[in-house]
């Protein structure tokens, strides 16, 4: 699927980006943290591969994980609460800022 943004099938609260094999998951998360800082989004890093974010009433979680059988990594952003359109717009900005 390459580095295209995907709306997870039928799940409006999920935004996924395929990252491929080129980068280690920690590098992907570091790029996300840099994009969050650039965009002024407050966040808390929960683990080496997960952050929780908050922006103007929107709460979401972002996690990097490995796909089965060595086919790459995925950055999954999940909305916990807040406006769905703000969520989608923010995810688009972050992914664009990350260069995916």
C-alpha atoms as a PDB file:
ATOM      1  CA  UNK A   1       0.000   0.000   0.000  1.00  0.00           C
ATOM      2  CA  UNK A   2       3.014   2.290   0.246  1.00  0.00           C
ATOM      3  CA  UNK A   3       2.922   5.422   2.366  1.00  0.00           C
ATOM      4  CA  UNK A   4      -0.673   6.360   1.635  1.00  0.00           C
ATOM      5  CA  UNK A   5      -3.105   7.367   4.342  1.00  0.00           C
ATOM      6  CA  UNK A   6      -5.920   4.903   4.843  1.00  0.00           C
ATOM      7  CA  UNK A   7      -9.200   5.232   6.634  1.00  0.00           C
ATOM      8  CA  UNK A   8      -9.476   1.862   8.337  1.00  0.00           C
ATOM      9  CA  UNK A   9     -12.338  -0.046   6.787  1.00  0.00           C
ATOM     10  CA  UNK A  10     -15.564   1.274   8.271  1.00  0.00           C
ATOM     11  CA  UNK A  11     -13.913   2.683  11.405  1.00  0.00           C
ATOM     12  CA  UNK A  12     -14.273   6.464  11.357  1.00  0.00           C
ATOM     13  CA  UNK A  13     -12.298   6.838  14.592  1.00  0.00           C
ATOM     14  CA  UNK A  14      -9.134   5.321  13.096  1.00  0.00           C
ATOM     15  CA  UNK A  15      -6.576   6.820  10.689  1.00  0.00           C
ATOM     16  CA  UNK A  16      -3.733   4.565   9.504  1.00  0.00           C
ATOM     17  CA  UNK A  17      -0.587   5.189   7.502  1.00  0.00           C
ATOM     18  CA  UNK A  18       1.551   2.400   6.078  1.00  0.00           C
ATOM     19  CA  UNK A  19       5.205   3.232   6.783  1.00  0.00           C
ATOM     20  CA  UNK A  20       6.958   0.412   4.897  1.00  0.00           C
ATOM     21  CA  UNK A  21      10.180  -1.263   5.993  1.00  0.00           C
ATOM     22  CA  UNK A  22      12.546   1.686   5.526  1.00  0.00           C
ATOM     23  CA  UNK A  23      12.218   3.110   9.039  1.00  0.00           C
ATOM     24  CA  UNK A  24      12.353   1.609  12.500  1.00  0.00           C
ATOM     25  CA  UNK A  25       9.130   2.127  14.510  1.00  0.00           C
ATOM     26  CA  UNK A  26      10.982   4.398  16.960  1.00  0.00           C
ATOM     27  CA  UNK A  27      11.993   6.666  14.061  1.00  0.00           C
ATOM     28  CA  UNK A  28       8.370   6.871  12.938  1.00  0.00           C
ATOM     29  CA  UNK A  29       7.294   7.846  16.459  1.00  0.00           C
ATOM     30  CA  UNK A  30      10.096  10.446  16.636  1.00  0.00           C
ATOM     31  CA  UNK A  31       8.823  11.962  13.386  1.00  0.00           C
ATOM     32  CA  UNK A  32       5.306  12.034  14.820  1.00  0.00           C
ATOM     33  CA  UNK A  33       6.513  13.761  18.007  1.00  0.00           C
ATOM     34  CA  UNK A  34       8.333  16.361  15.897  1.00  0.00           C
ATOM     35  CA  UNK A  35       5.135  16.944  13.874  1.00  0.00           C
ATOM     36  CA  UNK A  36       3.093  17.271  17.093  1.00  0.00           C
ATOM     37  CA  UNK A  37       5.572  19.837  18.433  1.00  0.00           C
ATOM     38  CA  UNK A  38       5.527  21.781  15.162  1.00  0.00           C
ATOM     39  CA  UNK A  39       1.722  21.815  15.174  1.00  0.00           C
ATOM     40  CA  UNK A  40       1.492  22.819  18.848  1.00  0.00           C
ATOM     41  CA  UNK A  41      -0.374  19.666  19.887  1.00  0.00           C
ATOM     42  CA  UNK A  42       0.122  18.599  23.499  1.00  0.00           C
ATOM     43  CA  UNK A  43       1.032  14.961  23.989  1.00  0.00           C
ATOM     44  CA  UNK A  44       2.371  12.448  26.483  1.00  0.00           C
ATOM     45  CA  UNK A  45       4.605   9.597  25.396  1.00  0.00           C
ATOM     46  CA  UNK A  46       3.195   6.429  26.979  1.00  0.00           C
ATOM     47  CA  UNK A  47       5.759   3.951  25.622  1.00  0.00           C
ATOM     48  CA  UNK A  48       8.471   3.654  22.986  1.00  0.00           C
ATOM     49  CA  UNK A  49       5.760   3.194  20.354  1.00  0.00           C
ATOM     50  CA  UNK A  50       2.714   5.115  21.639  1.00  0.00           C
ATOM     51  CA  UNK A  51       1.673   8.701  22.449  1.00  0.00           C
ATOM     52  CA  UNK A  52      -1.585  10.198  23.693  1.00  0.00           C
ATOM     53  CA  UNK A  53      -2.476  13.614  22.304  1.00  0.00           C
ATOM     54  CA  UNK A  54      -4.889  16.434  23.040  1.00  0.00           C
ATOM     55  CA  UNK A  55      -5.770  19.423  20.845  1.00  0.00           C
ATOM     56  CA  UNK A  56      -8.772  21.773  21.192  1.00  0.00           C
ATOM     57  CA  UNK A  57     -11.076  19.221  22.814  1.00  0.00           C
ATOM     58  CA  UNK A  58      -9.823  16.350  20.666  1.00  0.00           C
ATOM     59  CA  UNK A  59      -8.204  13.401  22.428  1.00  0.00           C
ATOM     60  CA  UNK A  60      -6.441  10.700  20.447  1.00  0.00           C
ATOM     61  CA  UNK A  61      -3.809   8.004  20.677  1.00  0.00           C
ATOM     62  CA  UNK A  62      -1.104   7.231  18.122  1.00  0.00           C
ATOM     63  CA  UNK A  63       0.758   3.941  17.997  1.00  0.00           C
ATOM     64  CA  UNK A  64       3.341   2.403  15.672  1.00  0.00           C
ATOM     65  CA  UNK A  65       3.241  -1.341  15.232  1.00  0.00           C
ATOM     66  CA  UNK A  66       4.710  -4.009  12.978  1.00  0.00           C
ATOM     67  CA  UNK A  67       2.571  -5.767  10.423  1.00  0.00           C
ATOM     68  CA  UNK A  68       2.629  -9.544  10.157  1.00  0.00           C
ATOM     69  CA  UNK A  69       5.355 -11.323   8.223  1.00  0.00           C
ATOM     70  CA  UNK A  70       7.775  -8.433   7.852  1.00  0.00           C
ATOM     71  CA  UNK A  71       5.598  -6.353   5.538  1.00  0.00           C
ATOM     72  CA  UNK A  72       6.369  -3.090   7.288  1.00  0.00           C
ATOM     73  CA  UNK A  73       4.989  -0.830   9.971  1.00  0.00           C
ATOM     74  CA  UNK A  74       1.771   1.103  10.451  1.00  0.00           C
ATOM     75  CA  UNK A  75       1.117   4.351  12.288  1.00  0.00           C
ATOM     76  CA  UNK A  76      -2.419   4.098  13.693  1.00  0.00           C
ATOM     77  CA  UNK A  77      -4.114   7.182  15.134  1.00  0.00           C
ATOM     78  CA  UNK A  78      -7.307   6.520  17.084  1.00  0.00           C
ATOM     79  CA  UNK A  79      -9.779   9.192  18.217  1.00  0.00           C
ATOM     80  CA  UNK A  80     -10.874   8.821  21.859  1.00  0.00           C
ATOM     81  CA  UNK A  81     -13.155  11.885  21.940  1.00  0.00           C
ATOM     82  CA  UNK A  82     -13.747  15.170  20.177  1.00  0.00           C
ATOM     83  CA  UNK A  83     -14.814  16.295  16.737  1.00  0.00           C
ATOM     84  CA  UNK A  84     -14.342  13.732  13.959  1.00  0.00           C
ATOM     85  CA  UNK A  85     -13.554  16.407  11.348  1.00  0.00           C
ATOM     86  CA  UNK A  86     -10.910  17.978  13.576  1.00  0.00           C
ATOM     87  CA  UNK A  87      -9.431  14.487  14.050  1.00  0.00           C
ATOM     88  CA  UNK A  88      -9.234  13.815  10.314  1.00  0.00           C
ATOM     89  CA  UNK A  89      -7.842  17.259   9.548  1.00  0.00           C
ATOM     90  CA  UNK A  90      -5.184  16.969  12.287  1.00  0.00           C
ATOM     91  CA  UNK A  91      -4.171  13.475  11.151  1.00  0.00           C
ATOM     92  CA  UNK A  92      -3.795  14.760   7.592  1.00  0.00           C
ATOM     93  CA  UNK A  93      -1.614  17.661   8.742  1.00  0.00           C
ATOM     94  CA  UNK A  94       0.576  15.413  10.887  1.00  0.00           C
ATOM     95  CA  UNK A  95       1.066  12.822   8.137  1.00  0.00           C
ATOM     96  CA  UNK A  96       1.870  15.566   5.631  1.00  0.00           C
ATOM     97  CA  UNK A  97       4.370  17.110   8.030  1.00  0.00           C
ATOM     98  CA  UNK A  98       5.995  13.690   8.516  1.00  0.00           C
ATOM     99  CA  UNK A  99       6.450  13.324   4.753  1.00  0.00           C
ATOM    100  CA  UNK A 100       4.291  10.211   4.317  1.00  0.00           C
END
